[in-house]
Amino acid sequence: MANAASADLSAQFEPHKERMITHMNEDHGDSLLVYAKHYANCKGAIRAVITDMNTEGLFLDVFVPGGEIMAGVFVKYTRPLTSVRDVRSIVVDMHHEAYNALGVAYKLQSGYYKTQFSNSWKKNPMKKKVAMGAAAVSILGLSVFAYRKLQARARL
């Protein structure tokens, strides 16, 4: 029964595989790099690309300084797929888990926080309006406070 389910999942996976590989390589190179560094323990990696993927994980070509390429490095998904739709949530979770494991210094150096901030603004424009409004009110409040303080000093 498990083999039939696995075969069915593989059959569902196959038509989507090339699109997912292309998308990940074109738009999420940073994720692939941290997968190589964290999950495959390729600490010296400078770049990684997906060459293949299946229902178990990703096959990466990992580039290291000096032009060497570590071909076919396998990165297993952190949890089993139950459907093709699971791939996105799993690789997003793996992205955050890998960055967290690599630490704050790596996140700062790699631009992780800037990207997260930028993505959060794009996803929720209302948050942007609320944050900008709060910032404006804060600046106005501080300006009024500073003005009154200066006037009080001038009276002395």
Protein backbone atom coordinates (compact mmCIF):
# COMPACT_ATOMS: atom_id res chain seq x y z
CA MET A 1 0.00 0.00 0.00
CA ALA A 2 2.83 2.43 0.86
CA ASN A 3 4.55 1.71 -2.45
CA ALA A 4 1.32 2.45 -4.37
CA ALA A 5 0.92 5.76 -2.52
CA SER A 6 4.57 6.62 -3.17
CA ALA A 7 4.22 5.79 -6.87
CA ASP A 8 1.04 7.92 -7.07
CA LEU A 9 2.80 10.86 -5.40
CA SER A 10 5.76 10.49 -7.77
CA ALA A 11 3.39 10.48 -10.75
CA GLN A 12 1.69 13.66 -9.46
CA PHE A 13 5.07 15.26 -8.79
CA GLU A 14 6.61 14.69 -12.23
CA PRO A 15 4.59 17.23 -14.29
CA HIS A 16 5.50 20.02 -11.84
CA LYS A 17 9.17 19.21 -11.34
CA GLU A 18 10.75 21.32 -14.12
CA ARG A 19 8.66 24.38 -13.23
CA MET A 20 9.66 24.10 -9.57
CA ILE A 21 13.35 23.64 -10.43
CA THR A 22 13.33 26.65 -12.76
CA HIS A 23 11.52 28.82 -10.21
CA MET A 24 13.85 27.87 -7.37
CA ASN A 25 17.00 28.40 -9.46
CA GLU A 26 15.82 31.74 -10.85
CA ASP A 27 14.22 33.24 -7.75
CA HIS A 28 15.56 31.50 -4.66
CA GLY A 29 19.30 31.04 -5.04
CA ASP A 30 19.78 32.30 -1.49
CA SER A 31 17.63 29.45 -0.17
CA LEU A 32 19.54 26.88 -2.20
CA LEU A 33 22.83 28.20 -0.85
CA VAL A 34 21.70 27.93 2.78
CA TYR A 35 20.30 24.43 2.12
CA ALA A 36 23.79 23.43 0.92
CA LYS A 37 25.52 25.11 3.86
CA HIS A 38 23.19 23.79 6.56
CA TYR A 39 21.58 20.54 5.44
CA ALA A 40 24.45 19.21 3.30
CA ASN A 41 27.16 20.68 5.57
CA CYS A 42 28.88 22.37 2.62
CA LYS A 43 30.06 25.30 4.75
CA GLY A 44 32.33 26.74 2.03
CA ALA A 45 29.58 26.86 -0.60
CA ILE A 46 29.28 30.09 -2.56
CA ARG A 47 26.37 29.08 -4.82
CA ALA A 48 23.99 26.17 -5.36
CA VAL A 49 21.52 25.18 -8.06
CA ILE A 50 18.92 22.42 -8.22
CA THR A 51 19.67 19.87 -10.92
CA ASP A 52 16.88 17.48 -9.99
CA MET A 53 14.28 16.89 -7.34
CA ASN A 54 11.90 14.15 -6.30
CA THR A 55 9.41 13.38 -3.55
CA GLU A 56 12.27 12.83 -1.09
CA GLY A 57 14.36 15.95 -1.63
CA LEU A 58 16.57 18.12 -3.83
CA PHE A 59 19.71 17.33 -5.80
CA LEU A 60 22.07 20.30 -5.86
CA ASP A 61 25.23 21.24 -7.68
CA VAL A 62 27.19 23.15 -5.06
CA PHE A 63 29.88 25.60 -6.13
CA VAL A 64 32.84 26.21 -3.83
CA PRO A 65 35.79 28.64 -4.08
CA GLY A 66 38.36 27.71 -6.68
CA GLY A 67 35.78 26.71 -9.27
CA GLU A 68 35.11 23.24 -7.89
CA ILE A 69 31.58 21.89 -8.22
CA MET A 70 30.18 19.26 -5.87
CA ALA A 71 27.63 17.58 -8.15
CA GLY A 72 24.50 15.75 -7.05
CA VAL A 73 24.51 16.80 -3.39
CA PHE A 74 21.27 15.47 -1.92
CA VAL A 75 19.23 17.54 0.53
CA LYS A 76 16.36 15.58 2.04
CA TYR A 77 13.10 17.38 2.83
CA THR A 78 12.66 17.92 6.55
CA ARG A 79 9.30 16.16 6.53
CA PRO A 80 7.57 13.74 4.16
CA LEU A 81 5.43 14.97 1.29
CA THR A 82 1.81 13.94 1.33
CA SER A 83 1.01 15.91 -1.83
CA VAL A 84 2.84 18.00 -4.40
CA ARG A 85 1.46 21.13 -2.72
CA ASP A 86 3.55 20.32 0.36
CA VAL A 87 6.79 21.18 -1.46
CA ARG A 88 6.34 24.95 -1.12
CA SER A 89 5.63 24.96 2.61
CA ILE A 90 8.43 22.49 3.28
CA VAL A 91 11.11 24.41 1.35
CA VAL A 92 9.97 27.70 2.93
CA ASP A 93 10.28 26.13 6.40
CA MET A 94 13.68 24.72 5.41
CA HIS A 95 14.75 28.21 4.27
CA HIS A 96 14.02 29.73 7.68
CA GLU A 97 15.39 26.74 9.60
CA ALA A 98 18.67 26.85 7.65
CA TYR A 99 19.10 30.60 8.12
CA ASN A 100 18.33 30.27 11.84
CA ALA A 101 20.90 27.50 12.18
CA LEU A 102 23.53 29.59 10.40
CA GLY A 103 22.99 32.38 12.92
CA VAL A 104 22.42 36.10 13.22
CA ALA A 105 25.81 37.09 11.81
CA TYR A 106 25.15 35.10 8.63
CA LYS A 107 21.66 36.57 8.38
CA LEU A 108 23.06 40.10 8.62
CA GLN A 109 25.86 39.44 6.14
CA SER A 110 23.58 37.76 3.60
CA GLY A 111 20.77 40.34 3.66
CA TYR A 112 18.23 37.94 5.21
CA TYR A 113 16.59 40.59 7.42
CA LYS A 114 16.34 43.13 4.60
CA THR A 115 14.65 40.54 2.38
CA GLN A 116 12.24 39.49 5.14
CA PHE A 117 11.34 43.12 5.82
CA SER A 118 10.82 43.82 2.13
CA ASN A 119 8.70 40.69 1.65
CA SER A 120 6.49 41.53 4.62
CA TRP A 121 5.76 44.98 3.15
CA LYS A 122 4.86 43.49 -0.22
CA LYS A 123 2.55 40.88 1.27
CA ASN A 124 0.53 43.25 3.44
CA PRO A 125 0.21 46.84 2.20
CA MET A 126 -2.09 47.65 5.14
CA LYS A 127 0.77 46.96 7.53
CA LYS A 128 2.82 49.45 5.55
CA LYS A 129 0.17 52.15 5.93
CA VAL A 130 -0.21 51.47 9.65
CA ALA A 131 3.55 51.48 10.22
CA MET A 132 4.02 54.68 8.22
CA GLY A 133 1.17 56.31 10.16
CA ALA A 134 2.64 55.22 13.48
CA ALA A 135 6.06 56.54 12.46
CA ALA A 136 4.56 59.88 11.39
CA VAL A 137 2.63 60.25 14.66
CA SER A 138 5.77 59.37 16.63
CA ILE A 139 7.87 61.92 14.75
CA LEU A 140 5.20 64.57 15.19
CA GLY A 141 4.94 63.80 18.90
CA LEU A 142 8.71 64.00 19.37
CA SER A 143 8.82 67.24 17.41
CA VAL A 144 6.13 68.84 19.59
CA PHE A 145 7.90 67.61 22.73
CA ALA A 146 11.26 69.01 21.55
CA TYR A 147 9.66 72.34 20.55
CA ARG A 148 8.01 72.75 23.95
CA LYS A 149 11.22 71.83 25.73
CA LEU A 150 13.13 74.47 23.73
CA GLN A 151 10.48 77.08 24.48
CA ALA A 152 10.63 76.29 28.18
CA ARG A 153 14.42 76.73 28.15
CA ALA A 154 14.10 80.03 26.28
CA ARG A 155 11.81 81.41 29.01
CA LEU A 156 14.41 80.77 31.70
